[in-house]
Amino acid sequence: MLDEYCTSRRSVLVRAFIDALTLGGVGGTPKPIEMHAHDPKRYVGDMLAWLHQTIPGERENLLILLKGCDKTGGLFCFDNPLSLLKDCDKTGGYFLMINDSAC
């Protein structure tokens, strides 16, 4: 179940990020991030701001998803599930790590 959730959320977030880069918000507000590509500090800052806005919602989703988990069925409860996300260079994605092994 966690794999399907992660795959689904990754697709949604990638699409939302690309839309923020190229289309902007609903009705053109805010403007597309690419409008500021000529100013590297603003461009990178806007991308980081988008991530800063998105991460708390994803954290909340993970906390709700993992709230009722126990050690049965291969799922575990964690006080801070985001601390367990590790970058995987081979796929460019993230895996939930338990005891340094991918789940």
Protein backbone atom coordinates (compact mmCIF):
# COMPACT_ATOMS: atom_id res chain seq x y z
CA MET A 1 0.00 0.00 0.00
CA LEU A 2 2.79 2.41 0.87
CA ASP A 3 4.44 1.80 -2.51
CA GLU A 4 1.25 2.71 -4.38
CA TYR A 5 0.77 5.80 -2.25
CA CYS A 6 4.35 6.97 -2.87
CA THR A 7 4.10 6.32 -6.60
CA SER A 8 0.81 8.18 -6.83
CA ARG A 9 1.99 11.17 -4.78
CA ARG A 10 5.23 11.38 -6.72
CA SER A 11 3.29 11.61 -9.99
CA VAL A 12 0.96 14.27 -8.60
CA LEU A 13 3.80 16.34 -7.15
CA VAL A 14 5.95 16.16 -10.28
CA ARG A 15 2.98 17.30 -12.38
CA ALA A 16 2.19 20.11 -9.91
CA PHE A 17 5.82 21.26 -9.92
CA ILE A 18 5.99 21.28 -13.71
CA ASP A 19 2.72 23.24 -13.79
CA ALA A 20 4.12 25.76 -11.30
CA LEU A 21 7.22 26.12 -13.48
CA THR A 22 5.43 26.50 -16.79
CA LEU A 23 1.81 27.57 -16.17
CA GLY A 24 1.77 29.29 -12.80
CA GLY A 25 -1.30 29.34 -10.61
CA VAL A 26 -4.97 29.37 -11.48
CA GLY A 27 -5.78 32.44 -13.54
CA GLY A 28 -2.08 33.28 -13.89
CA THR A 29 -1.53 34.15 -10.23
CA PRO A 30 1.17 33.48 -9.23
CA LYS A 31 3.03 33.76 -12.51
CA PRO A 32 5.00 30.77 -13.82
CA ILE A 33 8.33 30.31 -12.07
CA GLU A 34 10.05 30.22 -15.47
CA MET A 35 9.15 33.89 -15.94
CA HIS A 36 12.06 34.62 -13.57
CA ALA A 37 14.60 32.31 -15.21
CA HIS A 38 16.72 35.35 -16.15
CA ASP A 39 17.35 35.99 -12.43
CA PRO A 40 19.00 32.86 -10.99
CA LYS A 41 18.49 33.83 -7.32
CA ARG A 42 14.79 34.52 -7.82
CA TYR A 43 14.34 31.42 -9.99
CA VAL A 44 15.91 29.06 -7.47
CA GLY A 45 14.24 30.89 -4.59
CA ASP A 46 10.81 30.45 -6.18
CA MET A 47 11.44 26.73 -6.70
CA LEU A 48 12.54 26.34 -3.08
CA ALA A 49 9.50 28.34 -1.93
CA TRP A 50 7.25 25.94 -3.85
CA LEU A 51 8.92 23.01 -2.08
CA HIS A 52 8.63 24.81 1.26
CA GLN A 53 4.88 25.14 0.72
CA THR A 54 4.41 21.57 -0.45
CA ILE A 55 6.41 19.62 2.14
CA PRO A 56 4.17 20.34 5.18
CA GLY A 57 1.13 18.97 3.35
CA GLU A 58 3.01 15.84 2.36
CA ARG A 59 4.26 15.45 5.91
CA GLU A 60 0.70 15.68 7.20
CA ASN A 61 -0.45 13.10 4.64
CA LEU A 62 2.29 10.69 5.75
CA LEU A 63 1.51 11.20 9.42
CA ILE A 64 -2.18 10.47 8.82
CA LEU A 65 -1.34 7.43 6.70
CA LEU A 66 1.06 6.00 9.27
CA LYS A 67 -0.94 7.04 12.34
CA GLY A 68 -2.71 3.73 12.85
CA CYS A 69 0.16 1.50 11.80
CA ASP A 70 1.66 -1.20 13.93
CA LYS A 71 4.36 -3.78 13.32
CA THR A 72 1.96 -6.23 11.67
CA GLY A 73 1.68 -6.35 7.93
CA GLY A 74 5.15 -4.94 7.31
CA LEU A 75 4.29 -1.37 8.36
CA PHE A 76 5.82 0.41 11.32
CA CYS A 77 4.97 3.50 13.33
CA PHE A 78 7.49 6.32 13.46
CA ASP A 79 7.57 9.56 15.43
CA ASN A 80 9.09 11.36 12.45
CA PRO A 81 8.46 9.44 9.20
CA LEU A 82 10.08 12.11 7.02
CA SER A 83 13.41 11.51 8.74
CA LEU A 84 13.33 8.01 7.24
CA LEU A 85 13.18 9.15 3.63
CA LYS A 86 16.53 8.53 1.99
CA ASP A 87 17.62 9.62 -1.45
CA CYS A 88 18.32 6.82 -3.90
CA ASP A 89 20.80 7.91 -6.57
CA LYS A 90 20.00 5.01 -8.90
CA THR A 91 16.33 5.87 -9.46
CA GLY A 92 16.22 9.51 -8.45
CA GLY A 93 13.41 8.64 -6.05
CA TYR A 94 13.03 8.12 -2.36
CA PHE A 95 12.57 4.99 -0.28
CA LEU A 96 11.31 4.51 3.23
CA MET A 97 14.25 3.06 5.12
CA ILE A 98 13.99 0.83 8.18
CA ASN A 99 17.25 -0.27 9.75
CA ASP A 100 19.08 0.89 6.59
CA SER A 101 17.14 -1.49 4.33
CA ALA A 102 14.54 -0.43 1.79
CA CYS A 103 10.93 -1.38 2.47
